[in-house]
N, C-alpha and C. Protein backbone atom coordinates (compact mmCIF):
# COMPACT_ATOMS: atom_id res chain seq x y z
N MET A 1 -0.65 50.11 286.18
CA MET A 1 -1.47 51.30 285.99
C MET A 1 -1.95 51.40 284.55
N ALA A 2 -3.03 52.12 284.37
CA ALA A 2 -3.58 52.36 283.04
C ALA A 2 -3.73 53.86 282.84
N ILE A 3 -3.84 54.28 281.58
CA ILE A 3 -3.97 55.69 281.28
C ILE A 3 -5.13 55.91 280.32
N LEU A 4 -5.87 56.99 280.50
CA LEU A 4 -7.05 57.28 279.70
C LEU A 4 -7.06 58.75 279.32
N ARG A 5 -7.34 59.03 278.05
CA ARG A 5 -7.58 60.41 277.61
C ARG A 5 -9.04 60.74 277.85
N PHE A 6 -9.28 61.87 278.52
CA PHE A 6 -10.65 62.17 278.93
C PHE A 6 -10.77 63.66 279.22
N ASN A 7 -11.73 64.32 278.60
CA ASN A 7 -12.03 65.72 278.92
C ASN A 7 -13.26 65.76 279.82
N LEU A 8 -13.13 66.38 280.96
CA LEU A 8 -14.22 66.44 281.93
C LEU A 8 -15.04 67.70 281.72
N LEU A 9 -16.34 67.54 281.58
CA LEU A 9 -17.23 68.66 281.30
C LEU A 9 -16.81 69.39 280.02
N GLY A 10 -16.23 68.63 279.08
CA GLY A 10 -15.77 69.21 277.84
C GLY A 10 -14.55 70.09 278.01
N ASN A 11 -13.84 69.95 279.12
CA ASN A 11 -12.73 70.83 279.46
C ASN A 11 -11.47 70.01 279.68
N PRO A 12 -10.32 70.46 279.14
CA PRO A 12 -9.08 69.71 279.34
C PRO A 12 -8.48 69.87 280.72
N ASN A 13 -8.95 70.84 281.49
CA ASN A 13 -8.39 71.08 282.83
C ASN A 13 -9.07 70.19 283.87
N ILE A 14 -8.91 68.89 283.68
CA ILE A 14 -9.63 67.93 284.50
C ILE A 14 -9.21 67.97 285.96
N GLY A 15 -7.95 68.34 286.22
CA GLY A 15 -7.47 68.40 287.60
C GLY A 15 -7.99 69.59 288.37
N VAL A 16 -8.55 70.56 287.68
CA VAL A 16 -9.18 71.71 288.34
C VAL A 16 -10.54 71.30 288.92
N TYR A 17 -11.24 70.44 288.20
CA TYR A 17 -12.62 70.12 288.54
C TYR A 17 -12.80 68.80 289.27
N ALA A 18 -11.76 68.01 289.39
CA ALA A 18 -11.89 66.70 290.04
C ALA A 18 -10.69 66.44 290.93
N LEU A 19 -10.83 65.46 291.81
CA LEU A 19 -9.78 65.08 292.76
C LEU A 19 -9.85 63.58 292.95
N THR A 20 -8.70 62.92 292.98
CA THR A 20 -8.71 61.47 293.15
C THR A 20 -7.73 61.01 294.23
N THR A 21 -8.09 59.94 294.92
CA THR A 21 -7.20 59.22 295.82
C THR A 21 -7.27 57.76 295.41
N ASN A 22 -6.62 56.88 296.16
CA ASN A 22 -6.63 55.47 295.80
C ASN A 22 -7.99 54.80 296.00
N SER A 23 -8.88 55.44 296.77
CA SER A 23 -10.15 54.79 297.07
C SER A 23 -11.38 55.50 296.51
N TYR A 24 -11.24 56.76 296.08
CA TYR A 24 -12.39 57.48 295.53
C TYR A 24 -11.94 58.60 294.61
N THR A 25 -12.88 59.04 293.78
CA THR A 25 -12.67 60.20 292.92
C THR A 25 -13.86 61.13 293.07
N LEU A 26 -13.61 62.38 293.44
CA LEU A 26 -14.66 63.37 293.53
C LEU A 26 -14.85 64.04 292.18
N LEU A 27 -16.10 64.12 291.73
CA LEU A 27 -16.43 64.69 290.44
C LEU A 27 -17.48 65.78 290.58
N PRO A 28 -17.44 66.81 289.74
CA PRO A 28 -18.38 67.92 289.86
C PRO A 28 -19.67 67.70 289.08
N THR A 29 -20.16 66.50 289.07
CA THR A 29 -21.37 66.20 288.32
C THR A 29 -22.09 65.01 288.92
N LYS A 30 -23.41 64.99 288.80
CA LYS A 30 -24.19 63.85 289.26
C LYS A 30 -24.42 62.84 288.14
N ASN A 31 -24.01 63.19 286.94
CA ASN A 31 -24.19 62.30 285.79
C ASN A 31 -23.08 61.27 285.76
N LEU A 32 -23.29 60.16 286.45
CA LEU A 32 -22.27 59.12 286.55
C LEU A 32 -22.53 57.96 285.60
N LYS A 33 -23.38 58.19 284.59
CA LYS A 33 -23.71 57.13 283.65
C LYS A 33 -22.81 57.22 282.42
N GLY A 34 -22.79 56.12 281.67
CA GLY A 34 -22.13 56.12 280.38
C GLY A 34 -20.64 56.37 280.43
N LYS A 35 -20.19 57.30 279.61
CA LYS A 35 -18.77 57.55 279.39
C LYS A 35 -17.99 57.81 280.66
N ILE A 36 -18.58 58.57 281.58
CA ILE A 36 -17.84 58.96 282.77
C ILE A 36 -17.51 57.77 283.68
N LYS A 37 -18.28 56.69 283.56
CA LYS A 37 -18.00 55.50 284.37
C LYS A 37 -16.69 54.85 283.98
N ARG A 38 -16.18 55.17 282.79
CA ARG A 38 -14.88 54.63 282.40
C ARG A 38 -13.78 55.08 283.35
N LEU A 39 -14.00 56.20 284.02
CA LEU A 39 -13.00 56.68 284.97
C LEU A 39 -12.72 55.65 286.05
N SER A 40 -13.77 54.96 286.49
CA SER A 40 -13.60 53.98 287.57
C SER A 40 -12.77 52.79 287.13
N GLU A 41 -12.72 52.50 285.83
CA GLU A 41 -11.92 51.40 285.32
C GLU A 41 -10.42 51.71 285.42
N PHE A 42 -10.09 52.98 285.40
CA PHE A 42 -8.69 53.39 285.40
C PHE A 42 -8.21 53.86 286.77
N LEU A 43 -9.08 54.57 287.50
CA LEU A 43 -8.68 55.09 288.81
C LEU A 43 -9.12 54.19 289.95
N LYS A 44 -10.03 53.24 289.64
CA LYS A 44 -10.59 52.34 290.65
C LYS A 44 -11.36 53.16 291.70
N GLY A 45 -11.82 52.51 292.73
CA GLY A 45 -12.54 53.22 293.78
C GLY A 45 -13.89 53.75 293.32
N ARG A 46 -14.55 54.49 294.22
CA ARG A 46 -15.89 55.02 293.94
C ARG A 46 -15.82 56.36 293.25
N LEU A 47 -16.80 56.62 292.39
CA LEU A 47 -16.98 57.93 291.79
C LEU A 47 -18.05 58.66 292.59
N ILE A 48 -17.69 59.81 293.15
CA ILE A 48 -18.58 60.51 294.07
C ILE A 48 -18.84 61.93 293.56
N PRO A 49 -20.09 62.27 293.26
CA PRO A 49 -20.40 63.65 292.87
C PRO A 49 -20.32 64.58 294.07
N ALA A 50 -19.77 65.76 293.88
CA ALA A 50 -19.59 66.67 295.01
C ALA A 50 -19.44 68.10 294.51
N THR A 51 -19.70 69.03 295.41
CA THR A 51 -19.37 70.44 295.22
C THR A 51 -18.76 70.95 296.51
N ILE A 52 -18.06 72.07 296.42
CA ILE A 52 -17.50 72.71 297.61
C ILE A 52 -17.92 74.17 297.58
N GLY A 53 -18.73 74.57 298.54
CA GLY A 53 -19.24 75.92 298.55
C GLY A 53 -20.07 76.23 297.32
N GLY A 54 -20.69 75.20 296.77
CA GLY A 54 -21.51 75.36 295.58
C GLY A 54 -20.72 75.45 294.29
N THR A 55 -19.38 75.33 294.36
CA THR A 55 -18.55 75.42 293.16
C THR A 55 -18.10 74.04 292.71
N ARG A 56 -17.60 74.00 291.47
CA ARG A 56 -17.11 72.75 290.89
C ARG A 56 -15.59 72.61 290.99
N LEU A 57 -14.93 73.54 291.62
CA LEU A 57 -13.46 73.57 291.62
C LEU A 57 -12.87 72.64 292.67
N LEU A 58 -13.18 71.37 292.59
CA LEU A 58 -12.79 70.41 293.62
C LEU A 58 -11.28 70.25 293.73
N GLY A 59 -10.60 70.17 292.59
CA GLY A 59 -9.16 69.97 292.62
C GLY A 59 -8.39 71.17 293.10
N VAL A 60 -8.96 72.34 292.97
CA VAL A 60 -8.32 73.57 293.43
C VAL A 60 -8.51 73.77 294.92
N LEU A 61 -9.71 73.47 295.42
CA LEU A 61 -10.07 73.82 296.79
C LEU A 61 -9.74 72.75 297.82
N ALA A 62 -9.60 71.52 297.42
CA ALA A 62 -9.36 70.43 298.37
C ALA A 62 -8.02 69.76 298.12
N ALA A 63 -7.42 69.23 299.19
CA ALA A 63 -6.20 68.43 299.10
C ALA A 63 -6.45 67.13 299.85
N ALA A 64 -5.95 66.01 299.31
CA ALA A 64 -6.27 64.73 299.92
C ALA A 64 -5.18 63.70 299.68
N ASN A 65 -5.16 62.69 300.54
CA ASN A 65 -4.41 61.46 300.32
C ASN A 65 -5.26 60.31 300.82
N SER A 66 -4.68 59.15 301.01
CA SER A 66 -5.48 57.99 301.44
C SER A 66 -5.99 58.13 302.86
N ASN A 67 -5.39 59.03 303.64
CA ASN A 67 -5.75 59.17 305.05
C ASN A 67 -6.83 60.20 305.31
N GLY A 68 -6.95 61.21 304.45
CA GLY A 68 -7.92 62.26 304.73
C GLY A 68 -8.05 63.26 303.61
N ILE A 69 -8.96 64.19 303.82
CA ILE A 69 -9.19 65.26 302.84
C ILE A 69 -9.33 66.58 303.59
N VAL A 70 -8.64 67.61 303.09
CA VAL A 70 -8.64 68.95 303.68
C VAL A 70 -9.57 69.84 302.85
N LEU A 71 -10.52 70.50 303.52
CA LEU A 71 -11.53 71.29 302.84
C LEU A 71 -11.55 72.73 303.36
N PRO A 72 -11.91 73.70 302.52
CA PRO A 72 -11.95 75.10 302.96
C PRO A 72 -13.13 75.36 303.88
N ASN A 73 -13.02 76.41 304.66
CA ASN A 73 -14.03 76.71 305.66
C ASN A 73 -15.39 77.07 305.05
N PHE A 74 -15.40 77.56 303.82
CA PHE A 74 -16.67 78.00 303.24
C PHE A 74 -17.49 76.86 302.64
N ILE A 75 -17.02 75.62 302.77
CA ILE A 75 -17.84 74.49 302.33
C ILE A 75 -19.17 74.50 303.09
N TYR A 76 -20.26 74.28 302.39
CA TYR A 76 -21.57 74.28 303.03
C TYR A 76 -21.71 73.10 303.99
N ASP A 77 -22.54 73.29 305.01
CA ASP A 77 -22.72 72.23 306.01
C ASP A 77 -23.25 70.94 305.39
N ASP A 78 -24.19 71.06 304.44
CA ASP A 78 -24.72 69.85 303.83
C ASP A 78 -23.67 69.14 302.97
N GLU A 79 -22.78 69.92 302.34
CA GLU A 79 -21.69 69.32 301.58
C GLU A 79 -20.72 68.61 302.51
N MET A 80 -20.47 69.22 303.65
CA MET A 80 -19.57 68.62 304.64
C MET A 80 -20.15 67.32 305.17
N ARG A 81 -21.44 67.32 305.48
CA ARG A 81 -22.08 66.09 305.98
C ARG A 81 -22.01 64.99 304.93
N ALA A 82 -22.23 65.35 303.68
CA ALA A 82 -22.18 64.36 302.61
C ALA A 82 -20.78 63.75 302.50
N MET A 83 -19.76 64.59 302.60
CA MET A 83 -18.38 64.09 302.55
C MET A 83 -18.13 63.10 303.68
N LYS A 84 -18.55 63.45 304.89
CA LYS A 84 -18.32 62.58 306.03
C LYS A 84 -19.08 61.26 305.90
N ASN A 85 -20.26 61.32 305.30
CA ASN A 85 -21.06 60.11 305.14
C ASN A 85 -20.53 59.20 304.04
N LEU A 86 -19.95 59.80 303.01
CA LEU A 86 -19.55 59.02 301.84
C LEU A 86 -18.09 58.58 301.86
N LEU A 87 -17.24 59.31 302.57
CA LEU A 87 -15.82 59.01 302.55
C LEU A 87 -15.38 58.29 303.81
N ASP A 88 -14.75 57.16 303.64
CA ASP A 88 -14.23 56.39 304.77
C ASP A 88 -12.81 56.86 305.08
N THR A 89 -12.71 58.13 305.53
CA THR A 89 -11.42 58.76 305.76
C THR A 89 -11.62 59.98 306.64
N ASN A 90 -10.52 60.60 307.08
CA ASN A 90 -10.63 61.84 307.85
C ASN A 90 -11.11 62.97 306.94
N VAL A 91 -12.11 63.70 307.40
CA VAL A 91 -12.64 64.84 306.66
C VAL A 91 -12.51 66.07 307.54
N GLY A 92 -11.70 67.04 307.11
CA GLY A 92 -11.45 68.20 307.95
C GLY A 92 -11.69 69.51 307.25
N ARG A 93 -12.33 70.42 307.95
CA ARG A 93 -12.57 71.78 307.45
C ARG A 93 -11.57 72.71 308.11
N ILE A 94 -10.88 73.52 307.30
CA ILE A 94 -9.82 74.40 307.79
C ILE A 94 -10.26 75.86 307.67
N LYS A 95 -10.21 76.58 308.78
CA LYS A 95 -10.52 78.00 308.76
C LYS A 95 -9.25 78.77 308.48
N SER A 96 -9.19 79.39 307.30
CA SER A 96 -8.00 80.11 306.89
C SER A 96 -8.34 81.06 305.75
N LYS A 97 -7.59 82.16 305.65
CA LYS A 97 -7.75 83.06 304.51
C LYS A 97 -7.29 82.37 303.22
N ILE A 98 -6.35 81.45 303.35
CA ILE A 98 -5.94 80.61 302.23
C ILE A 98 -6.93 79.46 302.13
N ASN A 99 -7.64 79.38 301.03
CA ASN A 99 -8.66 78.32 300.93
C ASN A 99 -8.48 77.40 299.72
N ALA A 100 -7.55 77.72 298.82
CA ALA A 100 -7.31 76.86 297.67
C ALA A 100 -6.26 75.81 298.03
N PHE A 101 -6.63 74.88 298.91
CA PHE A 101 -5.66 73.93 299.44
C PHE A 101 -5.07 73.01 298.38
N GLY A 102 -5.82 72.74 297.34
CA GLY A 102 -5.29 71.93 296.25
C GLY A 102 -4.12 72.59 295.55
N ASN A 103 -4.09 73.91 295.57
CA ASN A 103 -3.00 74.65 294.94
C ASN A 103 -1.77 74.79 295.83
N PHE A 104 -1.97 74.69 297.15
CA PHE A 104 -0.88 74.99 298.09
C PHE A 104 -0.31 73.77 298.80
N ILE A 105 -0.89 72.59 298.59
CA ILE A 105 -0.40 71.38 299.24
C ILE A 105 -0.10 70.31 298.20
N LEU A 106 1.08 69.74 298.25
CA LEU A 106 1.45 68.59 297.42
C LEU A 106 1.73 67.45 298.38
N ALA A 107 0.92 66.39 298.31
CA ALA A 107 1.04 65.32 299.30
C ALA A 107 0.73 63.97 298.70
N ASN A 108 1.34 62.95 299.28
CA ASN A 108 0.92 61.56 299.08
C ASN A 108 0.79 60.93 300.45
N ASP A 109 0.85 59.62 300.54
CA ASP A 109 0.65 58.96 301.84
C ASP A 109 1.90 58.98 302.71
N HIS A 110 3.03 59.41 302.15
CA HIS A 110 4.29 59.41 302.88
C HIS A 110 4.63 60.76 303.51
N GLY A 111 4.19 61.84 302.88
CA GLY A 111 4.52 63.17 303.37
C GLY A 111 3.97 64.24 302.45
N GLY A 112 4.29 65.49 302.76
CA GLY A 112 3.78 66.57 301.93
C GLY A 112 4.63 67.82 302.05
N ILE A 113 4.53 68.69 301.05
CA ILE A 113 5.21 69.97 301.10
C ILE A 113 4.17 71.08 300.89
N VAL A 114 4.44 72.23 301.48
CA VAL A 114 3.57 73.40 301.35
C VAL A 114 4.45 74.63 301.14
N GLY A 115 3.88 75.65 300.53
CA GLY A 115 4.59 76.90 300.33
C GLY A 115 4.71 77.69 301.63
N LYS A 116 5.60 78.68 301.63
CA LYS A 116 5.90 79.45 302.83
C LYS A 116 4.68 80.17 303.39
N ASN A 117 3.81 80.68 302.50
CA ASN A 117 2.66 81.45 302.96
C ASN A 117 1.71 80.61 303.81
N LEU A 118 1.64 79.32 303.55
CA LEU A 118 0.81 78.44 304.38
C LEU A 118 1.60 77.88 305.55
N MET A 119 2.88 77.62 305.34
CA MET A 119 3.71 77.03 306.39
C MET A 119 3.83 77.95 307.61
N GLN A 120 3.70 79.26 307.41
CA GLN A 120 3.80 80.21 308.50
C GLN A 120 2.64 80.09 309.49
N LYS A 121 1.56 79.45 309.09
CA LYS A 121 0.39 79.32 309.94
C LYS A 121 0.46 77.97 310.66
N LYS A 122 1.18 77.94 311.78
CA LYS A 122 1.53 76.70 312.44
C LYS A 122 0.32 75.90 312.91
N LYS A 123 -0.69 76.59 313.48
CA LYS A 123 -1.87 75.86 313.96
C LYS A 123 -2.59 75.17 312.81
N ILE A 124 -2.66 75.86 311.68
CA ILE A 124 -3.31 75.29 310.50
C ILE A 124 -2.51 74.10 309.99
N ILE A 125 -1.18 74.25 309.95
CA ILE A 125 -0.33 73.15 309.49
C ILE A 125 -0.51 71.91 310.36
N HIS A 126 -0.54 72.10 311.67
CA HIS A 126 -0.72 70.96 312.58
C HIS A 126 -2.05 70.26 312.33
N LYS A 127 -3.09 71.04 312.07
CA LYS A 127 -4.40 70.44 311.82
C LYS A 127 -4.41 69.67 310.50
N ILE A 128 -3.78 70.24 309.47
CA ILE A 128 -3.69 69.55 308.19
C ILE A 128 -2.90 68.26 308.33
N GLU A 129 -1.81 68.31 309.09
CA GLU A 129 -1.01 67.11 309.32
C GLU A 129 -1.84 66.03 310.01
N ASP A 130 -2.68 66.42 310.96
CA ASP A 130 -3.54 65.46 311.65
C ASP A 130 -4.55 64.83 310.69
N ILE A 131 -5.12 65.65 309.82
CA ILE A 131 -6.13 65.15 308.89
C ILE A 131 -5.51 64.18 307.89
N LEU A 132 -4.36 64.55 307.32
CA LEU A 132 -3.73 63.72 306.30
C LEU A 132 -2.78 62.67 306.89
N ASN A 133 -2.51 62.78 308.21
CA ASN A 133 -1.64 61.84 308.92
C ASN A 133 -0.26 61.75 308.28
N ILE A 134 0.30 62.93 307.97
CA ILE A 134 1.64 63.02 307.41
C ILE A 134 2.34 64.24 308.01
N GLU A 135 3.65 64.33 307.77
CA GLU A 135 4.39 65.53 308.14
C GLU A 135 4.49 66.45 306.92
N LEU A 136 4.29 67.74 307.15
CA LEU A 136 4.40 68.73 306.10
C LEU A 136 5.70 69.51 306.26
N VAL A 137 6.35 69.77 305.15
CA VAL A 137 7.62 70.47 305.13
C VAL A 137 7.52 71.65 304.16
N HIS A 138 8.17 72.76 304.52
CA HIS A 138 8.16 73.93 303.65
C HIS A 138 9.10 73.76 302.47
N SER A 139 8.59 74.07 301.28
CA SER A 139 9.44 74.10 300.09
C SER A 139 8.72 74.87 298.99
N HIS A 140 9.38 74.99 297.86
CA HIS A 140 8.80 75.63 296.68
C HIS A 140 8.98 74.73 295.48
N ILE A 141 8.32 75.09 294.40
CA ILE A 141 8.54 74.44 293.11
C ILE A 141 8.79 75.55 292.09
N ALA A 142 9.93 75.50 291.44
CA ALA A 142 10.34 76.56 290.51
C ALA A 142 10.35 77.92 291.20
N GLY A 143 10.66 77.91 292.50
CA GLY A 143 10.72 79.13 293.28
C GLY A 143 9.37 79.69 293.67
N LEU A 144 8.29 78.99 293.39
CA LEU A 144 6.93 79.46 293.64
C LEU A 144 6.27 78.66 294.77
N PRO A 145 5.34 79.28 295.51
CA PRO A 145 4.71 78.61 296.65
C PRO A 145 3.51 77.74 296.29
N TYR A 146 3.08 77.77 295.02
CA TYR A 146 1.87 77.05 294.63
C TYR A 146 2.21 75.60 294.30
N VAL A 147 2.74 74.90 295.28
CA VAL A 147 3.32 73.57 295.03
C VAL A 147 2.28 72.56 294.57
N GLY A 148 1.04 72.70 295.02
CA GLY A 148 0.00 71.76 294.62
C GLY A 148 -0.44 71.92 293.19
N SER A 149 -0.29 73.11 292.65
CA SER A 149 -0.69 73.34 291.26
C SER A 149 0.43 73.06 290.27
N LEU A 150 1.67 73.03 290.76
CA LEU A 150 2.83 72.87 289.89
C LEU A 150 3.35 71.44 289.84
N ALA A 151 2.65 70.51 290.48
CA ALA A 151 3.06 69.11 290.46
C ALA A 151 1.86 68.22 290.80
N VAL A 152 1.99 66.94 290.49
CA VAL A 152 1.00 65.95 290.91
C VAL A 152 1.77 64.79 291.54
N ALA A 153 1.23 64.27 292.65
CA ALA A 153 1.95 63.23 293.39
C ALA A 153 1.09 61.99 293.59
N THR A 154 1.71 60.84 293.46
CA THR A 154 1.13 59.57 293.89
C THR A 154 2.15 58.92 294.82
N ASN A 155 1.88 57.68 295.21
CA ASN A 155 2.83 56.96 296.06
C ASN A 155 3.95 56.32 295.25
N THR A 156 3.92 56.52 293.92
CA THR A 156 4.97 55.96 293.06
C THR A 156 5.81 57.03 292.38
N GLY A 157 5.34 58.27 292.33
CA GLY A 157 6.11 59.30 291.66
C GLY A 157 5.49 60.68 291.75
N VAL A 158 6.29 61.68 291.38
CA VAL A 158 5.83 63.06 291.30
C VAL A 158 6.22 63.62 289.94
N LEU A 159 5.24 64.19 289.25
CA LEU A 159 5.50 64.91 288.00
C LEU A 159 5.44 66.39 288.33
N ALA A 160 6.53 67.12 288.03
CA ALA A 160 6.66 68.50 288.48
C ALA A 160 7.02 69.46 287.35
N HIS A 161 6.84 70.72 287.64
CA HIS A 161 7.16 71.85 286.75
C HIS A 161 8.56 71.67 286.15
N PRO A 162 8.73 71.96 284.86
CA PRO A 162 10.03 71.73 284.22
C PRO A 162 11.17 72.59 284.76
N LEU A 163 10.86 73.66 285.49
CA LEU A 163 11.91 74.51 286.07
C LEU A 163 12.15 74.20 287.54
N LEU A 164 11.74 73.02 287.98
CA LEU A 164 12.02 72.58 289.34
C LEU A 164 13.53 72.61 289.60
N ARG A 165 13.92 73.20 290.74
CA ARG A 165 15.33 73.31 291.08
C ARG A 165 15.83 72.02 291.74
N ASP A 166 17.14 71.81 291.71
CA ASP A 166 17.71 70.59 292.27
C ASP A 166 17.44 70.47 293.77
N ASP A 167 17.54 71.59 294.51
CA ASP A 167 17.29 71.53 295.94
C ASP A 167 15.82 71.25 296.23
N GLU A 168 14.93 71.79 295.39
CA GLU A 168 13.50 71.52 295.56
C GLU A 168 13.19 70.05 295.25
N LYS A 169 13.85 69.53 294.24
CA LYS A 169 13.65 68.13 293.86
C LYS A 169 14.09 67.20 294.99
N LYS A 170 15.17 67.54 295.65
CA LYS A 170 15.67 66.71 296.76
C LYS A 170 14.67 66.70 297.91
N VAL A 171 14.07 67.86 298.20
CA VAL A 171 13.06 67.92 299.27
C VAL A 171 11.88 67.01 298.94
N ILE A 172 11.38 67.10 297.72
CA ILE A 172 10.24 66.26 297.32
C ILE A 172 10.60 64.79 297.43
N THR A 173 11.78 64.43 296.94
CA THR A 173 12.21 63.03 296.98
C THR A 173 12.33 62.53 298.42
N ASP A 174 12.91 63.34 299.29
CA ASP A 174 13.12 62.94 300.67
C ASP A 174 11.81 62.86 301.46
N VAL A 175 10.91 63.83 301.22
CA VAL A 175 9.69 63.91 302.03
C VAL A 175 8.59 62.99 301.51
N LEU A 176 8.37 62.98 300.20
CA LEU A 176 7.31 62.15 299.64
C LEU A 176 7.80 60.74 299.32
N LYS A 177 9.13 60.55 299.37
CA LYS A 177 9.75 59.23 299.22
C LYS A 177 9.43 58.56 297.89
N VAL A 178 9.49 59.37 296.82
CA VAL A 178 9.27 58.86 295.48
C VAL A 178 10.24 59.55 294.52
N ARG A 179 10.37 59.00 293.32
CA ARG A 179 11.20 59.67 292.33
C ARG A 179 10.41 60.79 291.66
N VAL A 180 11.13 61.74 291.11
CA VAL A 180 10.52 62.93 290.53
C VAL A 180 10.96 63.08 289.08
N ASN A 181 10.00 63.30 288.20
CA ASN A 181 10.29 63.63 286.81
C ASN A 181 9.74 65.02 286.51
N LEU A 182 10.38 65.69 285.55
CA LEU A 182 9.92 67.01 285.14
C LEU A 182 9.12 66.89 283.85
N GLY A 183 8.11 67.75 283.69
CA GLY A 183 7.32 67.69 282.49
C GLY A 183 6.28 68.78 282.42
N THR A 184 5.41 68.67 281.44
CA THR A 184 4.28 69.59 281.28
C THR A 184 3.04 68.77 280.97
N ILE A 185 1.93 69.46 280.81
CA ILE A 185 0.66 68.80 280.53
C ILE A 185 -0.11 69.66 279.52
N ASN A 186 -1.03 69.07 278.82
CA ASN A 186 -1.91 69.82 277.90
C ASN A 186 -1.12 70.65 276.88
N GLY A 187 -0.08 70.05 276.31
CA GLY A 187 0.66 70.71 275.25
C GLY A 187 1.56 71.83 275.71
N GLY A 188 2.18 71.68 276.89
CA GLY A 188 3.16 72.65 277.36
C GLY A 188 2.79 73.43 278.60
N ASN A 189 1.68 73.11 279.24
CA ASN A 189 1.27 73.81 280.46
C ASN A 189 2.09 73.30 281.64
N PRO A 190 2.82 74.18 282.36
CA PRO A 190 3.64 73.73 283.49
C PRO A 190 2.84 73.58 284.78
N PHE A 191 1.57 74.01 284.78
CA PHE A 191 0.72 73.82 285.96
C PHE A 191 0.15 72.40 285.90
N ILE A 192 0.98 71.47 286.32
CA ILE A 192 0.76 70.04 286.09
C ILE A 192 -0.60 69.56 286.58
N SER A 193 -0.96 69.90 287.81
CA SER A 193 -2.16 69.31 288.41
C SER A 193 -3.44 69.74 287.72
N SER A 194 -3.39 70.80 286.90
CA SER A 194 -4.60 71.25 286.23
C SER A 194 -5.07 70.29 285.14
N GLY A 195 -4.16 69.48 284.62
CA GLY A 195 -4.52 68.66 283.47
C GLY A 195 -4.39 67.16 283.64
N ILE A 196 -4.31 66.68 284.89
CA ILE A 196 -4.14 65.24 285.11
C ILE A 196 -4.77 64.83 286.43
N LEU A 197 -5.33 63.64 286.45
CA LEU A 197 -5.74 62.96 287.68
C LEU A 197 -4.92 61.69 287.75
N ALA A 198 -4.23 61.46 288.87
CA ALA A 198 -3.39 60.27 288.97
C ALA A 198 -3.41 59.73 290.39
N ASN A 199 -3.49 58.41 290.50
CA ASN A 199 -3.32 57.73 291.78
C ASN A 199 -2.50 56.47 291.53
N ASP A 200 -2.45 55.57 292.48
CA ASP A 200 -1.61 54.39 292.33
C ASP A 200 -2.18 53.37 291.34
N HIS A 201 -3.41 53.58 290.89
CA HIS A 201 -4.06 52.65 289.98
C HIS A 201 -3.99 53.08 288.52
N GLY A 202 -4.00 54.38 288.27
CA GLY A 202 -4.03 54.84 286.89
C GLY A 202 -3.95 56.34 286.79
N ALA A 203 -4.02 56.83 285.56
CA ALA A 203 -3.94 58.26 285.31
C ALA A 203 -4.94 58.65 284.23
N ILE A 204 -5.54 59.82 284.41
CA ILE A 204 -6.46 60.39 283.44
C ILE A 204 -5.84 61.68 282.93
N ILE A 205 -5.73 61.82 281.61
CA ILE A 205 -5.17 63.01 281.00
C ILE A 205 -6.15 63.54 279.96
N SER A 206 -5.99 64.80 279.58
CA SER A 206 -6.91 65.37 278.60
C SER A 206 -6.46 65.05 277.18
N HIS A 207 -7.32 65.34 276.24
CA HIS A 207 -7.01 65.09 274.83
C HIS A 207 -5.94 66.03 274.30
N LEU A 208 -5.62 67.11 275.03
CA LEU A 208 -4.59 68.03 274.59
C LEU A 208 -3.18 67.55 274.94
N THR A 209 -3.08 66.51 275.75
CA THR A 209 -1.77 66.01 276.16
C THR A 209 -1.04 65.43 274.96
N THR A 210 0.21 65.84 274.78
CA THR A 210 0.98 65.43 273.60
C THR A 210 1.66 64.08 273.82
N GLY A 211 2.18 63.52 272.73
CA GLY A 211 2.88 62.24 272.80
C GLY A 211 4.06 62.25 273.75
N PRO A 212 4.96 63.24 273.64
CA PRO A 212 6.09 63.29 274.58
C PRO A 212 5.64 63.42 276.03
N GLU A 213 4.59 64.20 276.28
CA GLU A 213 4.08 64.34 277.65
C GLU A 213 3.54 63.00 278.16
N ILE A 214 2.86 62.27 277.29
CA ILE A 214 2.34 60.95 277.67
C ILE A 214 3.48 59.99 278.00
N MET A 215 4.56 60.05 277.23
CA MET A 215 5.71 59.18 277.49
C MET A 215 6.31 59.48 278.86
N THR A 216 6.42 60.75 279.21
CA THR A 216 6.95 61.13 280.52
C THR A 216 6.05 60.61 281.63
N ILE A 217 4.76 60.76 281.48
CA ILE A 217 3.80 60.28 282.46
C ILE A 217 3.88 58.77 282.59
N SER A 218 3.93 58.09 281.45
CA SER A 218 3.99 56.62 281.45
C SER A 218 5.25 56.10 282.13
N ASN A 219 6.38 56.73 281.82
CA ASN A 219 7.65 56.28 282.41
C ASN A 219 7.71 56.52 283.91
N LEU A 220 7.11 57.62 284.36
CA LEU A 220 7.14 57.95 285.78
C LEU A 220 6.21 57.06 286.59
N PHE A 221 4.97 56.94 286.17
CA PHE A 221 3.96 56.24 286.96
C PHE A 221 3.84 54.76 286.60
N GLY A 222 4.63 54.30 285.65
CA GLY A 222 4.57 52.89 285.29
C GLY A 222 3.30 52.51 284.58
N VAL A 223 2.76 53.44 283.76
CA VAL A 223 1.52 53.18 283.04
C VAL A 223 1.80 52.21 281.90
C-alpha cells in the first residue's frame, strides 16, 4: 500500500466528500486533470465524478464495499442511472428516514456493523445485506451508533475511535475479520472516516494528519 497527503476541494475532510472501494473512487468534481489524478496512483481503480441528490457529501450519504453501493432514496434518477452505468457492482437505493448511510454502516468485503437505530429496520437491513453481499451485525463504537463515521475499514484493518470498548472491538474483529487499531485523524479528530480514504491498495490523508497518526495508519494498513 501507499499513502498520500491530499486535501480535496481545499478541505481536510476528504472522507466526507469522497468514497473509495478497491475498484473505484467517487469524487465530487468533474475536474479529473492534473493533481487529482494522483489519487488513482494510490487508490487504483477508476476516478468517477458523482453527486448524490445534487450534493457533494458522497462519503456521508453512501456506503460501499467491493460488492455494491448503498444510496439514499433522494438520489436523483439521472445520478442513479449514471451510477449503474459506470459501476460494475450492485447499486441499490434505500428508502429510509435514515439516509446518511456512510455514517451508520461500517463494512468491508467480509461483513459489516450498524448502529441500533438502523438495525431495528429489518427490511432495510436485509436489502443492504443483499446489495453489499455481507451479513450486518448490531454494534456501537465508543457507545455511539454512528459506526461508519467513527471508523474506517478495509479488508486488512479497521482504524477506530480511541474510546472503542473491548467488547465493541471484539465484534468488529469477529465480523469484519481484520485487526483493529485505535487512533484519530486530522490532528486529534476521533471521527475517523471524515479525514481518510482507504482501500486495499492505499490510503489518502489530509495535510492536517500528524506524524503519530500517520504511524498508526501505516502500521495498521501496511503502508
